[in-house]
Amino acid sequence: MGTSIDTKQFIACEQCDALYEKPDLIQGQRAKCVRCGNIMAERKVDSIERSFNWSLAGILLLLPAILLPIMGVTLAGQYHHASLLDCIVALIERGFLMIAILVFLFAIAVPVVRLFGAFYITYTFKFNKLKPSLLPFFKAFHHLDSWAMLNVFMLGIVVSMYKLLDDTELSVNMGLLAFILWLISSTMAAIALDQDYIWQRLEDEFVN
């Protein structure tokens, strides 16, 4: 009879598919593939604490980033300004419902869910309130990484400002600063989160 292999004790390189025994890392250490040099695993320093702080900052910046005017435009002696929410409402009023839905999903809904998800996950780890329901929750949270589009929306704002400079008098409002800080907080919360550590901890706690 063949012997069964515990696949949880091995790790594969995403670049060249080389298989290694799963390393036991401490904070600050990385495991690199001997064949191609790809970083296969990493234990980030103070991951939970840093991601908790960044996600909390993002939550605090949420309303200013959405509701405060992003930019103001003076054209023909008239001044107009618009917030992120105003842009979505304007798209709906002009009949661009699908575009409005996409902007809402990628610029507001998904980033908000990711921020609150990161805050909840790091909160449970920080204060040792782990429970079995956290495992499926983190699986769902993990799939949101590919849906984060705040940076694309920010690029759209920059392009719009560049095109408007020649024809109008453009002013930057506090909403843009809040949006940039929100973007930074959201990005840093995701970068600081050590997903390998969370997977391992949850599996050791509720799977084994």
N, C-alpha and C. Protein backbone atom coordinates (compact mmCIF):
# COMPACT_ATOMS: atom_id res chain seq x y z
N MET A 1 0.83 -1.20 0.00
CA MET A 1 0.00 0.00 0.00
C MET A 1 0.87 1.26 0.00
N GLY A 2 0.44 2.29 -0.75
CA GLY A 2 1.21 3.52 -0.78
C GLY A 2 0.98 4.34 0.47
N THR A 3 1.95 5.13 0.80
CA THR A 3 1.84 5.98 1.99
C THR A 3 1.27 7.33 1.58
N SER A 4 0.40 7.87 2.41
CA SER A 4 -0.21 9.17 2.13
C SER A 4 0.76 10.28 2.51
N ILE A 5 0.68 11.37 1.78
CA ILE A 5 1.55 12.51 2.00
C ILE A 5 0.72 13.68 2.49
N ASP A 6 1.14 14.28 3.56
CA ASP A 6 0.45 15.46 4.09
C ASP A 6 0.89 16.67 3.30
N THR A 7 0.03 17.12 2.37
CA THR A 7 0.40 18.23 1.49
C THR A 7 0.54 19.55 2.25
N LYS A 8 0.00 19.64 3.45
CA LYS A 8 0.11 20.87 4.23
C LYS A 8 1.54 21.12 4.69
N GLN A 9 2.38 20.08 4.64
CA GLN A 9 3.75 20.22 5.09
C GLN A 9 4.69 20.65 3.98
N PHE A 10 4.15 20.91 2.79
CA PHE A 10 4.96 21.29 1.65
C PHE A 10 4.46 22.61 1.06
N ILE A 11 5.36 23.27 0.36
CA ILE A 11 5.03 24.52 -0.30
C ILE A 11 5.63 24.52 -1.69
N ALA A 12 4.86 24.99 -2.68
CA ALA A 12 5.32 25.00 -4.06
C ALA A 12 5.63 26.42 -4.51
N CYS A 13 6.68 26.56 -5.30
CA CYS A 13 7.04 27.87 -5.86
C CYS A 13 6.05 28.23 -6.96
N GLU A 14 5.51 29.43 -6.92
CA GLU A 14 4.52 29.86 -7.91
C GLU A 14 5.15 30.10 -9.28
N GLN A 15 6.47 30.31 -9.32
CA GLN A 15 7.14 30.62 -10.58
C GLN A 15 7.61 29.37 -11.33
N CYS A 16 8.23 28.43 -10.59
CA CYS A 16 8.82 27.27 -11.27
C CYS A 16 8.27 25.93 -10.78
N ASP A 17 7.31 25.95 -9.85
CA ASP A 17 6.64 24.74 -9.33
C ASP A 17 7.55 23.82 -8.53
N ALA A 18 8.69 24.31 -8.10
CA ALA A 18 9.55 23.49 -7.24
C ALA A 18 8.86 23.27 -5.90
N LEU A 19 9.03 22.08 -5.35
CA LEU A 19 8.34 21.70 -4.11
C LEU A 19 9.34 21.60 -2.96
N TYR A 20 8.99 22.24 -1.84
CA TYR A 20 9.86 22.24 -0.67
C TYR A 20 9.04 21.93 0.58
N GLU A 21 9.75 21.51 1.60
CA GLU A 21 9.09 21.38 2.89
C GLU A 21 8.72 22.77 3.39
N LYS A 22 7.54 22.90 3.98
CA LYS A 22 7.06 24.20 4.45
C LYS A 22 7.95 24.71 5.57
N PRO A 23 8.56 25.90 5.40
CA PRO A 23 9.47 26.41 6.42
C PRO A 23 8.74 27.00 7.62
N ASP A 24 9.36 26.93 8.75
CA ASP A 24 8.83 27.54 9.97
C ASP A 24 9.55 28.86 10.17
N LEU A 25 8.90 29.94 9.74
CA LEU A 25 9.53 31.26 9.74
C LEU A 25 9.19 32.06 10.98
N ILE A 26 10.10 32.95 11.34
CA ILE A 26 9.82 33.93 12.38
C ILE A 26 9.66 35.29 11.71
N GLN A 27 9.20 36.28 12.46
CA GLN A 27 8.93 37.60 11.89
C GLN A 27 10.17 38.18 11.22
N GLY A 28 9.98 38.67 10.00
CA GLY A 28 11.07 39.28 9.26
C GLY A 28 11.80 38.32 8.33
N GLN A 29 11.52 37.02 8.41
CA GLN A 29 12.19 36.05 7.57
C GLN A 29 11.43 35.79 6.28
N ARG A 30 12.17 35.42 5.23
CA ARG A 30 11.60 35.06 3.94
C ARG A 30 12.14 33.71 3.50
N ALA A 31 11.33 32.98 2.77
CA ALA A 31 11.77 31.71 2.19
C ALA A 31 11.82 31.89 0.67
N LYS A 32 13.03 31.72 0.09
CA LYS A 32 13.21 31.89 -1.34
C LYS A 32 13.42 30.54 -2.02
N CYS A 33 12.97 30.45 -3.25
CA CYS A 33 13.16 29.25 -4.04
C CYS A 33 14.63 29.14 -4.46
N VAL A 34 15.23 28.00 -4.23
CA VAL A 34 16.63 27.80 -4.59
C VAL A 34 16.80 27.81 -6.11
N ARG A 35 15.77 27.34 -6.81
CA ARG A 35 15.88 27.21 -8.27
C ARG A 35 15.78 28.56 -8.99
N CYS A 36 14.77 29.38 -8.63
CA CYS A 36 14.56 30.62 -9.39
C CYS A 36 14.66 31.89 -8.55
N GLY A 37 14.77 31.75 -7.24
CA GLY A 37 14.93 32.92 -6.38
C GLY A 37 13.64 33.62 -6.00
N ASN A 38 12.49 33.06 -6.39
CA ASN A 38 11.21 33.67 -6.07
C ASN A 38 10.93 33.56 -4.57
N ILE A 39 10.33 34.62 -3.99
CA ILE A 39 9.95 34.59 -2.58
C ILE A 39 8.67 33.77 -2.44
N MET A 40 8.76 32.64 -1.77
CA MET A 40 7.61 31.73 -1.65
C MET A 40 6.80 31.99 -0.39
N ALA A 41 7.44 32.43 0.65
CA ALA A 41 6.74 32.70 1.91
C ALA A 41 7.48 33.79 2.67
N GLU A 42 6.72 34.54 3.46
CA GLU A 42 7.31 35.64 4.23
C GLU A 42 6.50 35.88 5.49
N ARG A 43 7.18 36.08 6.59
CA ARG A 43 6.52 36.47 7.83
C ARG A 43 6.77 37.96 8.04
N LYS A 44 5.73 38.73 7.88
CA LYS A 44 5.85 40.18 8.00
C LYS A 44 5.92 40.59 9.46
N VAL A 45 6.65 41.67 9.70
CA VAL A 45 6.85 42.16 11.07
C VAL A 45 5.62 42.94 11.53
N ASP A 46 5.10 42.59 12.71
CA ASP A 46 3.95 43.27 13.32
C ASP A 46 2.79 43.40 12.33
N SER A 47 2.52 42.33 11.60
CA SER A 47 1.51 42.37 10.54
C SER A 47 0.14 42.75 11.07
N ILE A 48 -0.30 42.09 12.12
CA ILE A 48 -1.65 42.33 12.64
C ILE A 48 -1.79 43.77 13.14
N GLU A 49 -0.82 44.23 13.89
CA GLU A 49 -0.87 45.58 14.46
C GLU A 49 -0.88 46.65 13.36
N ARG A 50 0.00 46.50 12.39
CA ARG A 50 0.10 47.50 11.32
C ARG A 50 -1.15 47.50 10.44
N SER A 51 -1.64 46.33 10.07
CA SER A 51 -2.84 46.26 9.24
C SER A 51 -4.07 46.78 10.00
N PHE A 52 -4.13 46.51 11.30
CA PHE A 52 -5.23 47.01 12.13
C PHE A 52 -5.24 48.54 12.13
N ASN A 53 -4.07 49.13 12.30
CA ASN A 53 -3.98 50.60 12.36
C ASN A 53 -4.31 51.23 11.01
N TRP A 54 -3.81 50.63 9.93
CA TRP A 54 -4.09 51.18 8.60
C TRP A 54 -5.56 51.05 8.24
N SER A 55 -6.16 49.91 8.56
CA SER A 55 -7.58 49.73 8.24
C SER A 55 -8.45 50.65 9.08
N LEU A 56 -8.08 50.90 10.32
CA LEU A 56 -8.81 51.85 11.16
C LEU A 56 -8.72 53.26 10.59
N ALA A 57 -7.53 53.63 10.14
CA ALA A 57 -7.35 54.95 9.51
C ALA A 57 -8.21 55.07 8.26
N GLY A 58 -8.26 53.99 7.46
CA GLY A 58 -9.08 54.01 6.26
C GLY A 58 -10.56 54.16 6.56
N ILE A 59 -11.02 53.51 7.62
CA ILE A 59 -12.42 53.61 8.02
C ILE A 59 -12.76 55.04 8.45
N LEU A 60 -11.84 55.67 9.17
CA LEU A 60 -12.05 57.05 9.61
C LEU A 60 -12.08 58.03 8.43
N LEU A 61 -11.34 57.70 7.37
CA LEU A 61 -11.28 58.57 6.19
C LEU A 61 -12.39 58.28 5.19
N LEU A 62 -13.19 57.27 5.47
CA LEU A 62 -14.19 56.80 4.51
C LEU A 62 -15.19 57.90 4.12
N LEU A 63 -15.87 58.48 5.08
CA LEU A 63 -16.89 59.48 4.79
C LEU A 63 -16.31 60.74 4.14
N PRO A 64 -15.18 61.29 4.66
CA PRO A 64 -14.61 62.45 3.97
C PRO A 64 -14.23 62.16 2.52
N ALA A 65 -13.69 60.97 2.27
CA ALA A 65 -13.27 60.63 0.91
C ALA A 65 -14.45 60.53 -0.05
N ILE A 66 -15.59 60.09 0.45
CA ILE A 66 -16.77 59.89 -0.40
C ILE A 66 -17.62 61.14 -0.53
N LEU A 67 -17.74 61.90 0.56
CA LEU A 67 -18.71 63.00 0.60
C LEU A 67 -18.12 64.38 0.33
N LEU A 68 -16.84 64.58 0.65
CA LEU A 68 -16.24 65.90 0.41
C LEU A 68 -15.95 66.11 -1.07
N PRO A 69 -16.06 67.36 -1.56
CA PRO A 69 -15.77 67.63 -2.97
C PRO A 69 -14.32 67.27 -3.32
N ILE A 70 -14.16 66.57 -4.44
CA ILE A 70 -12.83 66.17 -4.89
C ILE A 70 -12.14 67.32 -5.61
N MET A 71 -12.86 67.97 -6.51
CA MET A 71 -12.30 69.10 -7.24
C MET A 71 -13.39 70.09 -7.59
N GLY A 72 -12.97 71.32 -7.85
CA GLY A 72 -13.90 72.37 -8.27
C GLY A 72 -13.50 72.91 -9.63
N VAL A 73 -14.48 73.26 -10.42
CA VAL A 73 -14.22 73.76 -11.78
C VAL A 73 -14.94 75.10 -11.96
N THR A 74 -14.19 76.10 -12.41
CA THR A 74 -14.77 77.40 -12.73
C THR A 74 -14.82 77.55 -14.24
N LEU A 75 -16.01 77.66 -14.79
CA LEU A 75 -16.19 77.74 -16.24
C LEU A 75 -17.26 78.79 -16.53
N ALA A 76 -16.91 79.75 -17.37
CA ALA A 76 -17.83 80.84 -17.75
C ALA A 76 -18.35 81.57 -16.52
N GLY A 77 -17.46 81.77 -15.55
CA GLY A 77 -17.82 82.52 -14.35
C GLY A 77 -18.61 81.73 -13.33
N GLN A 78 -18.91 80.48 -13.60
CA GLN A 78 -19.67 79.66 -12.66
C GLN A 78 -18.77 78.58 -12.06
N TYR A 79 -18.96 78.38 -10.77
CA TYR A 79 -18.13 77.40 -10.05
C TYR A 79 -18.95 76.16 -9.72
N HIS A 80 -18.38 75.00 -10.01
CA HIS A 80 -19.03 73.73 -9.70
C HIS A 80 -18.01 72.81 -9.01
N HIS A 81 -18.50 72.05 -8.06
CA HIS A 81 -17.62 71.06 -7.43
C HIS A 81 -18.41 69.76 -7.28
N ALA A 82 -17.65 68.68 -7.16
CA ALA A 82 -18.31 67.37 -7.09
C ALA A 82 -17.50 66.43 -6.20
N SER A 83 -18.23 65.66 -5.43
CA SER A 83 -17.62 64.61 -4.62
C SER A 83 -17.70 63.29 -5.38
N LEU A 84 -17.11 62.26 -4.80
CA LEU A 84 -17.18 60.94 -5.42
C LEU A 84 -18.63 60.47 -5.55
N LEU A 85 -19.42 60.73 -4.52
CA LEU A 85 -20.83 60.35 -4.57
C LEU A 85 -21.59 61.18 -5.59
N ASP A 86 -21.25 62.46 -5.70
CA ASP A 86 -21.89 63.31 -6.71
C ASP A 86 -21.63 62.79 -8.12
N CYS A 87 -20.43 62.27 -8.37
CA CYS A 87 -20.10 61.74 -9.70
C CYS A 87 -20.99 60.56 -10.04
N ILE A 88 -21.25 59.71 -9.07
CA ILE A 88 -22.10 58.53 -9.30
C ILE A 88 -23.54 58.96 -9.57
N VAL A 89 -24.03 59.92 -8.77
CA VAL A 89 -25.39 60.43 -8.97
C VAL A 89 -25.53 61.08 -10.34
N ALA A 90 -24.50 61.84 -10.75
CA ALA A 90 -24.55 62.51 -12.06
C ALA A 90 -24.58 61.49 -13.20
N LEU A 91 -23.85 60.40 -13.05
CA LEU A 91 -23.86 59.36 -14.08
C LEU A 91 -25.25 58.73 -14.20
N ILE A 92 -25.90 58.52 -13.05
CA ILE A 92 -27.25 57.94 -13.06
C ILE A 92 -28.23 58.90 -13.72
N GLU A 93 -28.13 60.19 -13.39
CA GLU A 93 -29.05 61.18 -13.96
C GLU A 93 -28.90 61.33 -15.46
N ARG A 94 -27.69 61.07 -15.97
CA ARG A 94 -27.44 61.19 -17.41
C ARG A 94 -27.65 59.88 -18.16
N GLY A 95 -28.15 58.88 -17.47
CA GLY A 95 -28.49 57.62 -18.12
C GLY A 95 -27.38 56.59 -18.20
N PHE A 96 -26.23 56.86 -17.58
CA PHE A 96 -25.12 55.90 -17.61
C PHE A 96 -25.20 55.01 -16.37
N LEU A 97 -26.27 54.25 -16.28
CA LEU A 97 -26.52 53.45 -15.08
C LEU A 97 -25.45 52.37 -14.88
N MET A 98 -25.08 51.67 -15.95
CA MET A 98 -24.09 50.60 -15.82
C MET A 98 -22.74 51.14 -15.36
N ILE A 99 -22.32 52.28 -15.93
CA ILE A 99 -21.05 52.88 -15.53
C ILE A 99 -21.12 53.32 -14.07
N ALA A 100 -22.27 53.89 -13.67
CA ALA A 100 -22.44 54.32 -12.28
C ALA A 100 -22.33 53.14 -11.32
N ILE A 101 -22.93 52.01 -11.71
CA ILE A 101 -22.86 50.81 -10.87
C ILE A 101 -21.43 50.32 -10.74
N LEU A 102 -20.69 50.32 -11.86
CA LEU A 102 -19.31 49.86 -11.84
C LEU A 102 -18.43 50.77 -11.00
N VAL A 103 -18.63 52.09 -11.13
CA VAL A 103 -17.86 53.04 -10.33
C VAL A 103 -18.17 52.83 -8.84
N PHE A 104 -19.45 52.65 -8.52
CA PHE A 104 -19.83 52.42 -7.12
C PHE A 104 -19.19 51.14 -6.58
N LEU A 105 -19.23 50.08 -7.38
CA LEU A 105 -18.68 48.80 -6.92
C LEU A 105 -17.18 48.88 -6.71
N PHE A 106 -16.45 49.37 -7.72
CA PHE A 106 -15.00 49.32 -7.68
C PHE A 106 -14.36 50.46 -6.89
N ALA A 107 -15.02 51.61 -6.82
CA ALA A 107 -14.43 52.76 -6.13
C ALA A 107 -14.94 52.92 -4.71
N ILE A 108 -16.09 52.31 -4.37
CA ILE A 108 -16.65 52.48 -3.04
C ILE A 108 -16.92 51.13 -2.36
N ALA A 109 -17.78 50.33 -2.94
CA ALA A 109 -18.28 49.12 -2.26
C ALA A 109 -17.17 48.13 -1.92
N VAL A 110 -16.39 47.72 -2.93
CA VAL A 110 -15.33 46.73 -2.68
C VAL A 110 -14.25 47.26 -1.74
N PRO A 111 -13.73 48.49 -1.94
CA PRO A 111 -12.75 49.01 -0.98
C PRO A 111 -13.29 49.10 0.45
N VAL A 112 -14.56 49.48 0.59
CA VAL A 112 -15.15 49.57 1.93
C VAL A 112 -15.23 48.19 2.57
N VAL A 113 -15.69 47.19 1.81
CA VAL A 113 -15.78 45.83 2.34
C VAL A 113 -14.40 45.31 2.72
N ARG A 114 -13.38 45.61 1.88
CA ARG A 114 -12.02 45.16 2.18
C ARG A 114 -11.48 45.82 3.45
N LEU A 115 -11.76 47.11 3.61
CA LEU A 115 -11.27 47.81 4.79
C LEU A 115 -11.91 47.26 6.07
N PHE A 116 -13.24 47.13 6.04
CA PHE A 116 -13.92 46.60 7.22
C PHE A 116 -13.56 45.13 7.45
N GLY A 117 -13.35 44.39 6.35
CA GLY A 117 -12.92 43.00 6.50
C GLY A 117 -11.55 42.90 7.14
N ALA A 118 -10.60 43.72 6.67
CA ALA A 118 -9.26 43.72 7.26
C ALA A 118 -9.30 44.15 8.72
N PHE A 119 -10.16 45.13 9.02
CA PHE A 119 -10.28 45.59 10.41
C PHE A 119 -10.83 44.47 11.29
N TYR A 120 -11.85 43.78 10.81
CA TYR A 120 -12.46 42.71 11.61
C TYR A 120 -11.48 41.55 11.83
N ILE A 121 -10.78 41.16 10.78
CA ILE A 121 -9.82 40.06 10.90
C ILE A 121 -8.70 40.42 11.88
N THR A 122 -8.11 41.58 11.69
CA THR A 122 -7.00 41.97 12.57
C THR A 122 -7.48 42.23 14.00
N TYR A 123 -8.71 42.69 14.14
CA TYR A 123 -9.27 42.90 15.48
C TYR A 123 -9.38 41.58 16.23
N THR A 124 -9.87 40.54 15.53
CA THR A 124 -10.02 39.23 16.20
C THR A 124 -8.67 38.64 16.58
N PHE A 125 -7.66 38.87 15.76
CA PHE A 125 -6.32 38.37 16.08
C PHE A 125 -5.68 39.21 17.18
N LYS A 126 -5.84 40.52 17.09
CA LYS A 126 -5.21 41.43 18.04
C LYS A 126 -5.72 41.19 19.46
N PHE A 127 -7.01 40.92 19.59
CA PHE A 127 -7.61 40.74 20.91
C PHE A 127 -7.98 39.27 21.20
N ASN A 128 -7.40 38.37 20.38
CA ASN A 128 -7.52 36.93 20.59
C ASN A 128 -8.99 36.50 20.71
N LYS A 129 -9.79 36.87 19.70
CA LYS A 129 -11.20 36.50 19.69
C LYS A 129 -11.52 35.63 18.47
N LEU A 130 -10.62 34.68 18.20
CA LEU A 130 -10.79 33.80 17.05
C LEU A 130 -11.97 32.86 17.25
N LYS A 131 -12.68 32.61 16.15
CA LYS A 131 -13.80 31.68 16.18
C LYS A 131 -13.89 30.98 14.83
N PRO A 132 -14.54 29.80 14.76
CA PRO A 132 -14.57 29.02 13.52
C PRO A 132 -15.11 29.77 12.31
N SER A 133 -16.05 30.67 12.51
CA SER A 133 -16.64 31.40 11.39
C SER A 133 -15.62 32.31 10.68
N LEU A 134 -14.49 32.56 11.33
CA LEU A 134 -13.48 33.43 10.73
C LEU A 134 -12.80 32.76 9.54
N LEU A 135 -12.76 31.43 9.51
CA LEU A 135 -12.10 30.72 8.41
C LEU A 135 -12.83 30.94 7.08
N PRO A 136 -14.15 30.69 6.97
CA PRO A 136 -14.83 30.99 5.70
C PRO A 136 -14.87 32.49 5.39
N PHE A 137 -14.91 33.32 6.44
CA PHE A 137 -14.89 34.76 6.24
C PHE A 137 -13.59 35.19 5.57
N PHE A 138 -12.46 34.65 6.03
CA PHE A 138 -11.18 35.03 5.46
C PHE A 138 -11.02 34.48 4.05
N LYS A 139 -11.60 33.32 3.77
CA LYS A 139 -11.58 32.79 2.41
C LYS A 139 -12.28 33.74 1.45
N ALA A 140 -13.44 34.25 1.86
CA ALA A 140 -14.18 35.21 1.03
C ALA A 140 -13.40 36.52 0.90
N PHE A 141 -12.80 36.98 2.00
CA PHE A 141 -12.02 38.22 1.99
C PHE A 141 -10.83 38.09 1.04
N HIS A 142 -10.21 36.93 1.01
CA HIS A 142 -9.04 36.70 0.17
C HIS A 142 -9.35 36.91 -1.31
N HIS A 143 -10.56 36.59 -1.74
CA HIS A 143 -10.94 36.71 -3.14
C HIS A 143 -11.19 38.16 -3.55
N LEU A 144 -11.30 39.08 -2.60
CA LEU A 144 -11.56 40.48 -2.93
C LEU A 144 -10.31 41.21 -3.41
N ASP A 145 -9.13 40.62 -3.23
CA ASP A 145 -7.89 41.29 -3.61
C ASP A 145 -7.88 41.67 -5.09
N SER A 146 -8.43 40.79 -5.93
CA SER A 146 -8.40 41.05 -7.37
C SER A 146 -9.47 42.05 -7.82
N TRP A 147 -10.33 42.51 -6.89
CA TRP A 147 -11.40 43.43 -7.24
C TRP A 147 -11.14 44.85 -6.76
N ALA A 148 -9.96 45.09 -6.20
CA ALA A 148 -9.65 46.42 -5.68
C ALA A 148 -9.25 47.34 -6.84
N MET A 149 -10.03 48.39 -7.08
CA MET A 149 -9.80 49.26 -8.23
C MET A 149 -9.67 50.74 -7.84
N LEU A 150 -9.38 51.01 -6.58
CA LEU A 150 -9.24 52.41 -6.16
C LEU A 150 -8.13 53.12 -6.93
N ASN A 151 -7.03 52.43 -7.18
CA ASN A 151 -5.92 53.06 -7.89
C ASN A 151 -6.30 53.43 -9.32
N VAL A 152 -7.14 52.60 -9.95
CA VAL A 152 -7.60 52.91 -11.31
C VAL A 152 -8.49 54.16 -11.31
N PHE A 153 -9.36 54.26 -10.31
CA PHE A 153 -10.22 55.44 -10.21
C PHE A 153 -9.39 56.69 -9.95
N MET A 154 -8.35 56.56 -9.13
CA MET A 154 -7.46 57.69 -8.86
C MET A 154 -6.76 58.13 -10.14
N LEU A 155 -6.35 57.17 -10.97
CA LEU A 155 -5.73 57.51 -12.24
C LEU A 155 -6.71 58.26 -13.13
N GLY A 156 -7.99 57.86 -13.11
CA GLY A 156 -9.00 58.56 -13.88
C GLY A 156 -9.17 60.00 -13.44
N ILE A 157 -9.09 60.23 -12.13
CA ILE A 157 -9.19 61.60 -11.61
C ILE A 157 -8.02 62.45 -12.11
N VAL A 158 -6.81 61.89 -12.06
CA VAL A 158 -5.62 62.62 -12.49
C VAL A 158 -5.72 62.96 -13.98
N VAL A 159 -6.14 62.00 -14.80
CA VAL A 159 -6.29 62.24 -16.24
C VAL A 159 -7.33 63.33 -16.50
N SER A 160 -8.44 63.28 -15.77
CA SER A 160 -9.50 64.30 -15.94
C SER A 160 -8.98 65.68 -15.57
N MET A 161 -8.22 65.78 -14.49
CA MET A 161 -7.67 67.07 -14.09
C MET A 161 -6.71 67.60 -15.15
N TYR A 162 -5.90 66.73 -15.72
CA TYR A 162 -4.94 67.15 -16.74
C TYR A 162 -5.65 67.70 -17.98
N LYS A 163 -6.75 67.04 -18.38
CA LYS A 163 -7.48 67.48 -19.57
C LYS A 163 -8.26 68.77 -19.34
N LEU A 164 -8.67 69.00 -18.09
CA LEU A 164 -9.46 70.19 -17.79
C LEU A 164 -8.61 71.44 -17.60
N LEU A 165 -7.31 71.30 -17.38
CA LEU A 165 -6.46 72.44 -17.05
C LEU A 165 -6.41 73.48 -18.16
N ASP A 166 -6.48 73.04 -19.41
CA ASP A 166 -6.35 73.98 -20.52
C ASP A 166 -7.59 74.85 -20.73
N ASP A 167 -8.74 74.35 -20.36
CA ASP A 167 -9.99 75.05 -20.68
C ASP A 167 -10.68 75.68 -19.47
N THR A 168 -10.31 75.29 -18.28
CA THR A 168 -11.02 75.76 -17.10
C THR A 168 -10.05 76.13 -15.99
N GLU A 169 -10.60 76.82 -15.00
CA GLU A 169 -9.85 77.09 -13.78
C GLU A 169 -10.19 75.99 -12.78
N LEU A 170 -9.19 75.22 -12.43
CA LEU A 170 -9.41 74.01 -11.63
C LEU A 170 -8.87 74.22 -10.22
N SER A 171 -9.65 73.81 -9.24
CA SER A 171 -9.20 73.89 -7.84
C SER A 171 -9.33 72.51 -7.19
N VAL A 172 -8.36 72.20 -6.39
CA VAL A 172 -8.35 70.91 -5.68
C VAL A 172 -8.99 71.09 -4.31
N ASN A 173 -9.91 70.24 -3.96
CA ASN A 173 -10.62 70.35 -2.70
C ASN A 173 -10.13 69.30 -1.70
N MET A 174 -10.63 69.41 -0.47
CA MET A 174 -10.20 68.52 0.59
C MET A 174 -10.60 67.07 0.33
N GLY A 175 -11.64 66.88 -0.49
CA GLY A 175 -12.06 65.53 -0.80
C GLY A 175 -10.99 64.73 -1.52
N LEU A 176 -10.20 65.42 -2.36
CA LEU A 176 -9.13 64.72 -3.08
C LEU A 176 -8.04 64.27 -2.11
N LEU A 177 -7.70 65.13 -1.15
CA LEU A 177 -6.71 64.75 -0.14
C LEU A 177 -7.21 63.57 0.67
N ALA A 178 -8.49 63.64 1.07
CA ALA A 178 -9.06 62.54 1.85
C ALA A 178 -9.08 61.25 1.02
N PHE A 179 -9.38 61.38 -0.29
CA PHE A 179 -9.43 60.20 -1.15
C PHE A 179 -8.04 59.59 -1.31
N ILE A 180 -7.01 60.44 -1.46
CA ILE A 180 -5.63 59.94 -1.59
C ILE A 180 -5.21 59.22 -0.31
N LEU A 181 -5.51 59.83 0.84
CA LEU A 181 -5.16 59.20 2.12
C LEU A 181 -5.93 57.90 2.31
N TRP A 182 -7.18 57.88 1.84
CA TRP A 182 -7.99 56.66 1.91
C TRP A 182 -7.39 55.57 1.03
N LEU A 183 -6.93 55.96 -0.16
CA LEU A 183 -6.28 55.02 -1.06
C LEU A 183 -5.01 54.45 -0.43
N ILE A 184 -4.21 55.32 0.19
CA ILE A 184 -2.97 54.88 0.85
C ILE A 184 -3.29 53.93 2.00
N SER A 185 -4.28 54.29 2.81
CA SER A 185 -4.64 53.45 3.96
C SER A 185 -5.14 52.08 3.51
N SER A 186 -5.98 52.06 2.49
CA SER A 186 -6.51 50.81 1.99
C SER A 186 -5.40 49.92 1.43
N THR A 187 -4.49 50.54 0.67
CA THR A 187 -3.39 49.78 0.08
C THR A 187 -2.45 49.25 1.15
N MET A 188 -2.11 50.09 2.12
CA MET A 188 -1.17 49.67 3.16
C MET A 188 -1.77 48.61 4.08
N ALA A 189 -3.08 48.69 4.33
CA ALA A 189 -3.74 47.67 5.15
C ALA A 189 -3.63 46.30 4.49
N ALA A 190 -3.76 46.28 3.15
CA ALA A 190 -3.65 45.02 2.41
C ALA A 190 -2.20 44.53 2.37
N ILE A 191 -1.26 45.46 2.17
CA ILE A 191 0.15 45.08 2.08
C ILE A 191 0.66 44.56 3.42
N ALA A 192 0.26 45.21 4.50
CA ALA A 192 0.75 44.83 5.82
C ALA A 192 0.18 43.51 6.31
N LEU A 193 -0.96 43.10 5.78
CA LEU A 193 -1.62 41.88 6.26
C LEU A 193 -0.85 40.64 5.80
N ASP A 194 -0.42 39.84 6.75
CA ASP A 194 0.32 38.60 6.47
C ASP A 194 -0.69 37.47 6.30
N GLN A 195 -1.11 37.24 5.07
CA GLN A 195 -2.16 36.26 4.81
C GLN A 195 -1.69 34.83 5.08
N ASP A 196 -0.41 34.54 4.81
CA ASP A 196 0.10 33.19 5.09
C ASP A 196 0.02 32.88 6.59
N TYR A 197 0.36 33.86 7.41
CA TYR A 197 0.30 33.67 8.86
C TYR A 197 -1.14 33.44 9.32
N ILE A 198 -2.07 34.22 8.75
CA ILE A 198 -3.48 34.08 9.13
C ILE A 198 -4.02 32.72 8.71
N TRP A 199 -3.70 32.29 7.47
CA TRP A 199 -4.13 30.96 7.03
C TRP A 199 -3.62 29.88 7.98
N GLN A 200 -2.33 29.95 8.28
CA GLN A 200 -1.72 28.93 9.14
C GLN A 200 -2.34 28.92 10.52
N ARG A 201 -2.54 30.10 11.07
CA ARG A 201 -3.10 30.19 12.42
C ARG A 201 -4.54 29.65 12.46
N LEU A 202 -5.34 30.00 11.47
CA LEU A 202 -6.72 29.54 11.44
C LEU A 202 -6.81 28.03 11.19
N GLU A 203 -5.95 27.52 10.32
CA GLU A 203 -5.96 26.09 10.06
C GLU A 203 -5.51 25.30 11.28
N ASP A 204 -4.50 25.80 11.98
CA ASP A 204 -4.03 25.12 13.20
C ASP A 204 -5.09 25.15 14.28
N GLU A 205 -5.87 26.23 14.30
CA GLU A 205 -6.86 26.42 15.35
C GLU A 205 -8.15 25.63 15.11
N PHE A 206 -8.59 25.58 13.83
CA PHE A 206 -9.93 25.03 13.58
C PHE A 206 -9.98 23.86 12.60
N VAL A 207 -8.86 23.56 11.91
CA VAL A 207 -8.86 22.47 10.95
C VAL A 207 -8.19 21.22 11.51
N ASN A 208 -7.03 21.41 12.11
CA ASN A 208 -6.27 20.27 12.64
C ASN A 208 -6.97 19.65 13.86
